[in-house]
N, C-alpha and C. Protein backbone atom coordinates (compact mmCIF):
# COMPACT_ATOMS: atom_id res chain seq x y z
N MET A 1 -3.67 -19.98 22.43
CA MET A 1 -2.34 -20.27 22.01
C MET A 1 -1.71 -18.87 21.54
N SER A 2 -0.47 -18.66 22.03
CA SER A 2 0.16 -17.43 21.70
C SER A 2 1.15 -17.80 20.50
N LEU A 3 1.43 -16.94 19.44
CA LEU A 3 2.53 -17.31 18.57
C LEU A 3 3.56 -16.31 18.64
N PRO A 4 4.68 -16.69 18.85
CA PRO A 4 6.13 -15.73 19.17
C PRO A 4 6.08 -14.82 18.02
N TYR A 5 6.34 -13.55 18.09
CA TYR A 5 6.90 -12.59 17.36
C TYR A 5 5.75 -12.35 16.10
N THR A 6 4.34 -12.80 16.25
CA THR A 6 3.44 -12.71 15.37
C THR A 6 2.20 -11.68 15.81
N SER A 7 1.78 -10.87 15.20
CA SER A 7 0.72 -10.02 15.62
C SER A 7 -0.12 -9.84 14.08
N VAL A 8 -1.20 -10.02 14.01
CA VAL A 8 -2.25 -9.64 13.04
C VAL A 8 -3.25 -8.38 13.13
N HIS A 9 -3.00 -7.48 12.40
CA HIS A 9 -3.97 -6.63 12.33
C HIS A 9 -5.14 -6.40 11.08
N VAL A 10 -6.17 -6.61 11.39
CA VAL A 10 -7.19 -6.57 10.46
C VAL A 10 -8.02 -5.07 10.58
N LYS A 11 -8.17 -4.56 9.56
CA LYS A 11 -8.71 -3.12 9.39
C LYS A 11 -9.75 -2.99 8.15
N LEU A 12 -10.90 -2.25 8.60
CA LEU A 12 -11.84 -1.81 7.54
C LEU A 12 -11.27 -0.57 6.96
N VAL A 13 -10.91 -0.48 5.62
CA VAL A 13 -10.64 0.74 4.87
C VAL A 13 -11.59 1.04 4.11
N GLU A 14 -11.98 2.35 4.11
CA GLU A 14 -12.97 2.95 3.20
C GLU A 14 -12.25 4.04 2.43
N VAL A 15 -12.56 4.17 1.21
CA VAL A 15 -11.75 5.08 0.38
C VAL A 15 -12.82 5.36 -0.70
N ASN A 16 -13.20 6.62 -1.00
CA ASN A 16 -14.10 7.10 -1.74
C ASN A 16 -15.33 6.22 -1.91
N GLY A 17 -15.86 6.10 -0.83
CA GLY A 17 -17.14 5.28 -0.48
C GLY A 17 -16.95 3.81 -0.89
N SER A 18 -15.87 3.28 -1.15
CA SER A 18 -15.55 1.79 -1.31
C SER A 18 -14.78 1.27 0.07
N LYS A 19 -15.47 0.13 0.44
CA LYS A 19 -14.80 -0.48 1.78
C LYS A 19 -14.09 -1.91 1.54
N LEU A 20 -12.82 -1.86 1.78
CA LEU A 20 -12.13 -3.09 1.72
C LEU A 20 -11.62 -3.50 2.97
N LEU A 21 -10.94 -4.78 2.83
CA LEU A 21 -10.33 -5.26 3.89
C LEU A 21 -8.82 -5.24 3.98
N GLY A 22 -8.35 -4.56 4.91
CA GLY A 22 -6.61 -4.53 5.02
C GLY A 22 -6.34 -5.64 6.18
N VAL A 23 -5.14 -6.17 5.66
CA VAL A 23 -4.49 -7.16 6.70
C VAL A 23 -3.00 -6.77 6.83
N GLU A 24 -2.52 -6.70 7.80
CA GLU A 24 -1.04 -6.67 8.10
C GLU A 24 -0.72 -7.67 9.19
N ILE A 25 0.27 -8.51 8.46
CA ILE A 25 0.85 -9.69 9.48
C ILE A 25 2.38 -9.23 9.73
N GLU A 26 2.47 -9.25 11.22
CA GLU A 26 3.99 -8.90 11.38
C GLU A 26 4.81 -10.30 11.51
N LEU A 27 5.83 -10.09 10.91
CA LEU A 27 6.86 -11.14 10.82
C LEU A 27 8.13 -11.10 11.48
N PRO A 28 8.52 -12.27 11.98
CA PRO A 28 9.88 -12.03 12.63
C PRO A 28 11.01 -11.37 12.02
N ASN A 29 11.62 -10.42 12.43
CA ASN A 29 12.93 -9.71 11.71
C ASN A 29 12.69 -9.41 10.29
N ALA A 30 11.47 -9.01 9.99
CA ALA A 30 11.15 -8.64 8.61
C ALA A 30 10.21 -7.57 8.44
N PRO A 31 9.93 -6.98 7.47
CA PRO A 31 8.54 -6.16 7.30
C PRO A 31 7.52 -6.74 7.15
N PRO A 32 6.20 -6.25 7.44
CA PRO A 32 5.06 -7.23 7.64
C PRO A 32 4.64 -7.43 6.13
N LEU A 33 3.65 -8.58 6.23
CA LEU A 33 3.13 -9.02 4.85
C LEU A 33 1.56 -8.18 5.05
N ILE A 34 1.39 -7.53 3.80
CA ILE A 34 0.44 -6.52 3.78
C ILE A 34 -0.65 -7.03 2.44
N VAL A 35 -1.98 -7.13 2.66
CA VAL A 35 -2.89 -7.48 1.72
C VAL A 35 -4.09 -6.40 1.87
N LEU A 36 -4.58 -6.02 0.63
CA LEU A 36 -5.78 -5.13 0.72
C LEU A 36 -6.77 -5.91 -0.07
N ARG A 37 -7.77 -6.29 0.57
CA ARG A 37 -8.85 -7.13 -0.37
C ARG A 37 -10.19 -6.46 -0.67
N GLY A 38 -10.52 -6.57 -1.66
CA GLY A 38 -11.98 -5.92 -2.22
C GLY A 38 -12.85 -6.95 -2.59
N ASN A 39 -13.95 -6.88 -3.31
CA ASN A 39 -14.90 -7.75 -3.49
C ASN A 39 -14.43 -8.59 -4.73
N ARG A 40 -13.80 -7.91 -5.74
CA ARG A 40 -13.38 -8.58 -7.04
C ARG A 40 -11.84 -9.19 -7.04
N GLY A 41 -11.00 -8.44 -6.25
CA GLY A 41 -9.57 -8.91 -6.09
C GLY A 41 -8.74 -8.30 -4.92
N PHE A 42 -7.73 -8.13 -5.07
CA PHE A 42 -6.89 -7.80 -4.10
C PHE A 42 -5.61 -7.17 -4.32
N ILE A 43 -4.84 -6.20 -3.64
CA ILE A 43 -3.55 -5.75 -3.85
C ILE A 43 -2.55 -6.32 -2.81
N MET A 44 -1.44 -6.79 -3.30
CA MET A 44 -0.51 -7.30 -2.14
C MET A 44 0.88 -6.87 -2.16
N CYS A 45 1.60 -7.01 -0.92
CA CYS A 45 2.93 -6.58 -0.95
C CYS A 45 3.91 -7.32 -1.80
N GLY A 46 5.19 -7.16 -1.82
CA GLY A 46 6.11 -7.61 -2.51
C GLY A 46 6.52 -8.91 -2.14
N TYR A 47 6.00 -9.61 -1.00
CA TYR A 47 6.17 -11.03 -0.52
C TYR A 47 5.66 -12.04 -1.63
N LEU A 48 4.36 -11.54 -2.04
CA LEU A 48 3.64 -12.39 -2.83
C LEU A 48 3.83 -12.41 -4.14
N ASP A 49 3.60 -13.41 -4.89
CA ASP A 49 3.92 -13.68 -6.46
C ASP A 49 2.93 -13.39 -7.44
N ILE A 50 3.05 -12.43 -8.31
CA ILE A 50 1.77 -12.09 -9.17
C ILE A 50 1.54 -13.31 -10.10
N LYS A 51 2.77 -13.93 -10.53
CA LYS A 51 2.69 -14.98 -11.39
C LYS A 51 1.80 -16.28 -11.00
N VAL A 52 1.62 -16.49 -9.68
CA VAL A 52 0.59 -17.40 -9.12
C VAL A 52 -0.78 -16.69 -9.17
N ALA A 53 -0.95 -15.70 -8.84
CA ALA A 53 -2.22 -15.01 -9.06
C ALA A 53 -2.89 -15.18 -10.38
N ASP A 54 -1.76 -14.57 -11.14
CA ASP A 54 -2.22 -14.67 -12.85
C ASP A 54 -2.57 -16.06 -13.24
N LYS A 55 -1.81 -17.04 -12.69
CA LYS A 55 -2.09 -18.53 -13.31
C LYS A 55 -3.32 -19.18 -12.58
N LEU A 56 -3.91 -18.53 -11.48
CA LEU A 56 -5.23 -18.78 -11.10
C LEU A 56 -6.45 -18.00 -11.62
N GLY A 57 -6.01 -16.92 -12.31
CA GLY A 57 -7.05 -16.23 -12.90
C GLY A 57 -7.60 -15.24 -12.05
N LEU A 58 -6.68 -14.74 -11.06
CA LEU A 58 -7.35 -13.62 -10.18
C LEU A 58 -6.90 -12.15 -10.50
N VAL A 59 -7.82 -11.44 -10.00
CA VAL A 59 -7.63 -9.77 -10.13
C VAL A 59 -6.64 -9.64 -8.98
N ALA A 60 -5.33 -9.18 -9.37
CA ALA A 60 -4.34 -8.85 -8.19
C ALA A 60 -3.21 -7.98 -8.94
N GLY A 61 -3.04 -7.05 -7.88
CA GLY A 61 -1.90 -6.19 -7.92
C GLY A 61 -0.82 -6.16 -7.08
N ARG A 62 0.40 -5.78 -7.30
CA ARG A 62 1.36 -5.78 -6.39
C ARG A 62 1.99 -4.43 -6.12
N VAL A 63 2.47 -4.18 -5.04
CA VAL A 63 3.30 -3.07 -4.74
C VAL A 63 4.37 -3.51 -3.85
N VAL A 64 5.38 -2.55 -3.81
CA VAL A 64 6.63 -2.90 -3.02
C VAL A 64 6.72 -1.80 -1.95
N GLY A 65 7.65 -2.12 -1.07
CA GLY A 65 8.21 -0.92 0.00
C GLY A 65 6.88 -0.51 0.87
N VAL A 66 6.22 -1.36 1.44
CA VAL A 66 5.22 -0.76 2.44
C VAL A 66 5.49 -1.73 3.60
N SER A 67 4.84 -0.82 4.76
CA SER A 67 4.90 -1.49 5.88
C SER A 67 3.45 -1.38 6.58
N SER A 68 2.41 -0.86 5.98
CA SER A 68 1.19 -0.73 6.41
C SER A 68 0.04 -0.66 5.19
N VAL A 69 -1.07 -0.99 5.61
CA VAL A 69 -1.91 -0.86 4.51
C VAL A 69 -2.18 0.71 4.13
N ASP A 70 -2.15 1.85 4.97
CA ASP A 70 -2.10 3.07 4.65
C ASP A 70 -1.16 3.30 3.55
N GLU A 71 0.19 2.90 3.78
CA GLU A 71 1.26 3.22 2.93
C GLU A 71 1.07 2.60 1.61
N LEU A 72 0.07 1.42 1.63
CA LEU A 72 -0.10 0.70 0.31
C LEU A 72 -0.84 1.69 -0.54
N LEU A 73 -1.80 2.26 0.26
CA LEU A 73 -2.97 2.98 -0.40
C LEU A 73 -2.39 4.21 -1.52
N ASP A 74 -1.26 4.72 -1.01
CA ASP A 74 -0.51 5.64 -1.77
C ASP A 74 0.56 5.20 -2.82
N LYS A 75 0.83 3.94 -2.70
CA LYS A 75 1.88 3.43 -3.66
C LYS A 75 1.29 3.15 -5.02
N GLU A 76 2.26 3.02 -6.04
CA GLU A 76 1.99 2.73 -7.50
C GLU A 76 1.95 1.36 -7.51
N ILE A 77 1.26 0.62 -8.38
CA ILE A 77 1.25 -0.78 -8.53
C ILE A 77 2.61 -0.94 -9.64
N VAL A 78 3.17 -2.02 -9.13
CA VAL A 78 4.33 -2.39 -10.03
C VAL A 78 4.19 -3.48 -10.72
N GLU A 79 3.23 -4.25 -10.63
CA GLU A 79 2.94 -5.64 -11.48
C GLU A 79 1.41 -5.92 -10.99
N ALA A 80 0.74 -6.35 -12.03
CA ALA A 80 -0.44 -6.82 -12.09
C ALA A 80 -0.82 -8.01 -12.93
N SER A 81 -1.80 -8.79 -12.68
CA SER A 81 -2.33 -10.06 -13.19
C SER A 81 -3.01 -9.49 -14.49
N SER A 82 -3.20 -10.40 -15.33
CA SER A 82 -4.01 -9.92 -16.69
C SER A 82 -5.26 -9.62 -16.64
N LYS A 83 -6.14 -10.55 -15.56
CA LYS A 83 -7.47 -9.99 -15.15
C LYS A 83 -7.63 -8.55 -14.58
N ALA A 84 -6.58 -8.15 -13.77
CA ALA A 84 -6.43 -6.97 -13.12
C ALA A 84 -5.98 -5.87 -14.24
N ILE A 85 -5.39 -6.01 -15.22
CA ILE A 85 -5.01 -5.00 -16.26
C ILE A 85 -6.15 -4.72 -17.03
N GLU A 86 -6.88 -5.89 -17.42
CA GLU A 86 -8.40 -5.67 -18.16
C GLU A 86 -9.24 -4.70 -17.26
N LEU A 87 -9.21 -4.56 -16.03
CA LEU A 87 -10.00 -3.74 -15.29
C LEU A 87 -9.21 -2.43 -15.01
N GLY A 88 -8.14 -2.11 -15.47
CA GLY A 88 -7.40 -0.97 -15.24
C GLY A 88 -6.39 -0.89 -14.20
N ILE A 89 -6.18 -1.83 -13.34
CA ILE A 89 -5.30 -2.12 -12.29
C ILE A 89 -3.98 -2.39 -13.11
N LYS A 90 -3.09 -1.45 -13.21
CA LYS A 90 -2.05 -1.73 -14.04
C LYS A 90 -0.70 -0.90 -13.70
N PRO A 91 0.50 -1.50 -13.91
CA PRO A 91 1.55 -0.75 -13.35
C PRO A 91 1.67 0.83 -13.52
N GLY A 92 2.24 1.51 -12.58
CA GLY A 92 2.09 2.95 -12.61
C GLY A 92 1.10 3.74 -12.05
N VAL A 93 -0.15 3.02 -11.55
CA VAL A 93 -1.48 3.58 -11.23
C VAL A 93 -1.30 3.42 -9.87
N LYS A 94 -1.71 4.42 -8.99
CA LYS A 94 -1.74 4.34 -7.63
C LYS A 94 -2.85 3.38 -7.16
N VAL A 95 -2.70 2.67 -5.99
CA VAL A 95 -3.73 1.92 -5.49
C VAL A 95 -5.05 2.63 -5.31
N LYS A 96 -4.91 3.70 -4.45
CA LYS A 96 -6.29 4.49 -4.26
C LYS A 96 -6.96 4.92 -5.49
N GLU A 97 -6.41 5.03 -6.63
CA GLU A 97 -7.09 5.30 -7.82
C GLU A 97 -7.84 4.18 -8.68
N VAL A 98 -7.57 2.83 -8.02
CA VAL A 98 -8.33 1.78 -8.58
C VAL A 98 -9.17 1.04 -7.51
N ILE A 99 -9.26 1.59 -6.28
CA ILE A 99 -10.05 1.17 -5.25
C ILE A 99 -11.42 0.72 -5.76
N ASN A 100 -12.22 1.62 -6.41
CA ASN A 100 -13.34 1.33 -7.18
C ASN A 100 -13.59 0.01 -7.91
N VAL A 101 -12.47 -0.53 -8.49
CA VAL A 101 -12.47 -1.50 -9.49
C VAL A 101 -12.37 -2.85 -8.44
N LEU A 102 -11.72 -2.74 -7.30
CA LEU A 102 -11.49 -3.82 -6.55
C LEU A 102 -12.65 -4.28 -5.95
């Protein structure tokens, strides 16, 4: 079955010896949905709600203005869950600086 206007790209991302899973989901007439998943948590794009991640007790950070996993790595975190902040994943820190925590 083929879904119109939809393409999913999954890639293994390796930074400083840490391996993570990157997912890019193309959306119709909109920027893609981007998620970078590690063993403990994830970094998500602006589409997703940090309050929900916090409510579920997840380690999560949020960035905005990205259209690929590669761009996400260079962005600063704008919002983070309580669990993420405890681990040093906090606003103002670049994603690639906290890869080892994810």
